[in-house]
Amino acid sequence: MNIEKTNKIIFKLLKVEGDSMSPSIIKNSIIIVSYIPYFFTQPKIGDIVIVKHPHKNISIIKRIQKIKNNKYYILGDNSYQSTDSRDFGYIDKSLIIAKKINLK
């Protein structure tokens, strides 16, 4: 049996900088995200995800609203303060980099 050592990050604490997900997640909240869930399952409607912006070199946090032909329509909960699929359309799964983890 081979055991391979890895330096991959599994969980991370992130500070939310904008208001696009309020009131669900307010500005300056600290959230936990995981980089591994979508290796084993598909993203689903309602998941809150960290996404590589399709046109800018930034990461954004959004909620999956629709799924069509393995593409994802993502929206911020605060539609007045969100840049999302209404601006750039459906995104590929390859742009989804992490999932927000809920602790209960």
C-alpha atoms as a PDB file:
ATOM      1  CA  MET A   1       0.000   0.000   0.000  1.00  0.00           C
ATOM      2  CA  ASN A   2       1.369   3.368  -1.031  1.00  0.00           C
ATOM      3  CA  ILE A   3       0.592   6.456   0.984  1.00  0.00           C
ATOM      4  CA  GLU A   4       1.261   9.684  -0.815  1.00  0.00           C
ATOM      5  CA  LYS A   5       1.944  12.832   1.140  1.00  0.00           C
ATOM      6  CA  THR A   6       0.075  15.888  -0.110  1.00  0.00           C
ATOM      7  CA  ASN A   7       0.188  19.605   0.601  1.00  0.00           C
ATOM      8  CA  LYS A   8      -3.364  20.265  -0.613  1.00  0.00           C
ATOM      9  CA  ILE A   9      -5.576  22.494   1.525  1.00  0.00           C
ATOM     10  CA  ILE A  10      -8.782  20.734   2.574  1.00  0.00           C
ATOM     11  CA  PHE A  11     -10.467  23.424   4.699  1.00  0.00           C
ATOM     12  CA  LYS A  12      -9.892  27.138   4.941  1.00  0.00           C
ATOM     13  CA  LEU A  13     -11.282  30.113   6.855  1.00  0.00           C
ATOM     14  CA  LEU A  14     -12.287  32.984   4.586  1.00  0.00           C
ATOM     15  CA  LYS A  15     -13.426  36.510   5.375  1.00  0.00           C
ATOM     16  CA  VAL A  16     -16.365  37.673   3.249  1.00  0.00           C
ATOM     17  CA  GLU A  17     -15.580  41.126   1.895  1.00  0.00           C
ATOM     18  CA  GLY A  18     -18.772  42.207   0.134  1.00  0.00           C
ATOM     19  CA  ASP A  19     -22.509  42.393   0.653  1.00  0.00           C
ATOM     20  CA  SER A  20     -23.604  40.145  -2.236  1.00  0.00           C
ATOM     21  CA  MET A  21     -24.688  37.302   0.072  1.00  0.00           C
ATOM     22  CA  SER A  22     -26.431  39.329   2.776  1.00  0.00           C
ATOM     23  CA  PRO A  23     -28.517  38.757   4.765  1.00  0.00           C
ATOM     24  CA  SER A  24     -27.410  35.077   4.704  1.00  0.00           C
ATOM     25  CA  ILE A  25     -23.735  35.959   5.070  1.00  0.00           C
ATOM     26  CA  ILE A  26     -22.903  39.478   6.160  1.00  0.00           C
ATOM     27  CA  LYS A  27     -19.825  41.509   5.266  1.00  0.00           C
ATOM     28  CA  ASN A  28     -16.739  40.627   7.349  1.00  0.00           C
ATOM     29  CA  SER A  29     -18.150  37.226   8.376  1.00  0.00           C
ATOM     30  CA  ILE A  30     -15.638  34.414   8.712  1.00  0.00           C
ATOM     31  CA  ILE A  31     -16.750  31.229   6.945  1.00  0.00           C
ATOM     32  CA  ILE A  32     -15.296  27.741   6.573  1.00  0.00           C
ATOM     33  CA  VAL A  33     -14.947  26.348   3.077  1.00  0.00           C
ATOM     34  CA  SER A  34     -13.891  22.924   1.861  1.00  0.00           C
ATOM     35  CA  TYR A  35     -12.026  22.223  -1.347  1.00  0.00           C
ATOM     36  CA  ILE A  36     -12.933  18.510  -1.531  1.00  0.00           C
ATOM     37  CA  PRO A  37     -16.749  17.978  -1.647  1.00  0.00           C
ATOM     38  CA  TYR A  38     -17.090  18.159  -5.410  1.00  0.00           C
ATOM     39  CA  PHE A  39     -14.480  15.472  -5.995  1.00  0.00           C
ATOM     40  CA  PHE A  40     -17.084  13.026  -4.677  1.00  0.00           C
ATOM     41  CA  THR A  41     -20.474  14.627  -5.471  1.00  0.00           C
ATOM     42  CA  GLN A  42     -21.942  17.114  -7.900  1.00  0.00           C
ATOM     43  CA  PRO A  43     -22.812  20.657  -6.841  1.00  0.00           C
ATOM     44  CA  LYS A  44     -26.523  21.046  -6.205  1.00  0.00           C
ATOM     45  CA  ILE A  45     -29.090  23.820  -6.127  1.00  0.00           C
ATOM     46  CA  GLY A  46     -28.831  25.739  -2.862  1.00  0.00           C
ATOM     47  CA  ASP A  47     -25.106  25.111  -2.306  1.00  0.00           C
ATOM     48  CA  ILE A  48     -23.094  28.207  -1.406  1.00  0.00           C
ATOM     49  CA  VAL A  49     -19.862  28.069  -3.366  1.00  0.00           C
ATOM     50  CA  ILE A  50     -16.618  29.914  -3.920  1.00  0.00           C
ATOM     51  CA  VAL A  51     -16.131  30.496  -7.628  1.00  0.00           C
ATOM     52  CA  LYS A  52     -13.363  31.838  -9.840  1.00  0.00           C
ATOM     53  CA  HIS A  53     -14.881  34.856 -11.562  1.00  0.00           C
ATOM     54  CA  PRO A  54     -15.079  33.999 -15.276  1.00  0.00           C
ATOM     55  CA  HIS A  55     -13.686  37.383 -16.435  1.00  0.00           C
ATOM     56  CA  LYS A  56     -11.634  38.747 -13.527  1.00  0.00           C
ATOM     57  CA  ASN A  57      -8.812  37.400 -11.403  1.00  0.00           C
ATOM     58  CA  ILE A  58     -10.924  37.213  -8.219  1.00  0.00           C
ATOM     59  CA  SER A  59     -12.925  34.659  -6.268  1.00  0.00           C
ATOM     60  CA  ILE A  60     -16.585  35.287  -5.467  1.00  0.00           C
ATOM     61  CA  ILE A  61     -19.129  33.649  -3.172  1.00  0.00           C
ATOM     62  CA  LYS A  62     -22.570  32.791  -4.583  1.00  0.00           C
ATOM     63  CA  ARG A  63     -25.462  30.338  -4.281  1.00  0.00           C
ATOM     64  CA  ILE A  64     -26.251  27.811  -7.014  1.00  0.00           C
ATOM     65  CA  GLN A  65     -29.749  28.581  -8.331  1.00  0.00           C
ATOM     66  CA  LYS A  66     -30.043  26.478 -11.503  1.00  0.00           C
ATOM     67  CA  ILE A  67     -28.257  23.602 -13.180  1.00  0.00           C
ATOM     68  CA  LYS A  68     -28.474  23.025 -16.941  1.00  0.00           C
ATOM     69  CA  ASN A  69     -26.341  20.618 -18.980  1.00  0.00           C
ATOM     70  CA  ASN A  70     -23.613  20.502 -16.277  1.00  0.00           C
ATOM     71  CA  LYS A  71     -23.431  24.293 -16.149  1.00  0.00           C
ATOM     72  CA  TYR A  72     -24.320  26.313 -13.077  1.00  0.00           C
ATOM     73  CA  TYR A  73     -26.331  29.510 -12.676  1.00  0.00           C
ATOM     74  CA  ILE A  74     -25.110  31.301  -9.568  1.00  0.00           C
ATOM     75  CA  LEU A  75     -26.646  34.275  -7.790  1.00  0.00           C
ATOM     76  CA  GLY A  76     -25.858  36.378  -4.764  1.00  0.00           C
ATOM     77  CA  ASP A  77     -28.599  36.482  -2.140  1.00  0.00           C
ATOM     78  CA  ASN A  78     -28.520  40.303  -2.293  1.00  0.00           C
ATOM     79  CA  SER A  79     -29.424  40.945  -5.932  1.00  0.00           C
ATOM     80  CA  TYR A  80     -28.770  44.695  -5.621  1.00  0.00           C
ATOM     81  CA  GLN A  81     -25.135  44.176  -4.588  1.00  0.00           C
ATOM     82  CA  SER A  82     -24.182  41.092  -6.614  1.00  0.00           C
ATOM     83  CA  THR A  83     -22.279  40.435  -9.816  1.00  0.00           C
ATOM     84  CA  ASP A  84     -23.341  36.946 -10.830  1.00  0.00           C
ATOM     85  CA  SER A  85     -24.818  34.796 -13.612  1.00  0.00           C
ATOM     86  CA  ARG A  86     -27.194  37.613 -14.521  1.00  0.00           C
ATOM     87  CA  ASP A  87     -24.043  39.392 -15.735  1.00  0.00           C
ATOM     88  CA  PHE A  88     -21.917  36.545 -17.115  1.00  0.00           C
ATOM     89  CA  GLY A  89     -24.330  33.616 -17.637  1.00  0.00           C
ATOM     90  CA  TYR A  90     -23.934  29.974 -16.653  1.00  0.00           C
ATOM     91  CA  ILE A  91     -20.495  28.832 -15.447  1.00  0.00           C
ATOM     92  CA  ASP A  92     -18.586  25.567 -15.839  1.00  0.00           C
ATOM     93  CA  LYS A  93     -18.011  23.284 -12.858  1.00  0.00           C
ATOM     94  CA  SER A  94     -14.277  23.910 -13.288  1.00  0.00           C
ATOM     95  CA  LEU A  95     -14.810  27.449 -11.930  1.00  0.00           C
ATOM     96  CA  ILE A  96     -16.294  26.142  -8.654  1.00  0.00           C
ATOM     97  CA  ILE A  97     -13.358  25.866  -6.286  1.00  0.00           C
ATOM     98  CA  ALA A  98     -14.898  25.333  -2.836  1.00  0.00           C
ATOM     99  CA  LYS A  99     -18.127  24.832  -0.898  1.00  0.00           C
ATOM    100  CA  LYS A 100     -19.182  26.713   2.232  1.00  0.00           C
ATOM    101  CA  ILE A 101     -19.387  24.319   5.176  1.00  0.00           C
ATOM    102  CA  ASN A 102     -22.157  24.719   7.739  1.00  0.00           C
ATOM    103  CA  LEU A 103     -21.285  23.853  11.322  1.00  0.00           C
ATOM    104  CA  LYS A 104     -24.171  22.754  13.507  1.00  0.00           C
END
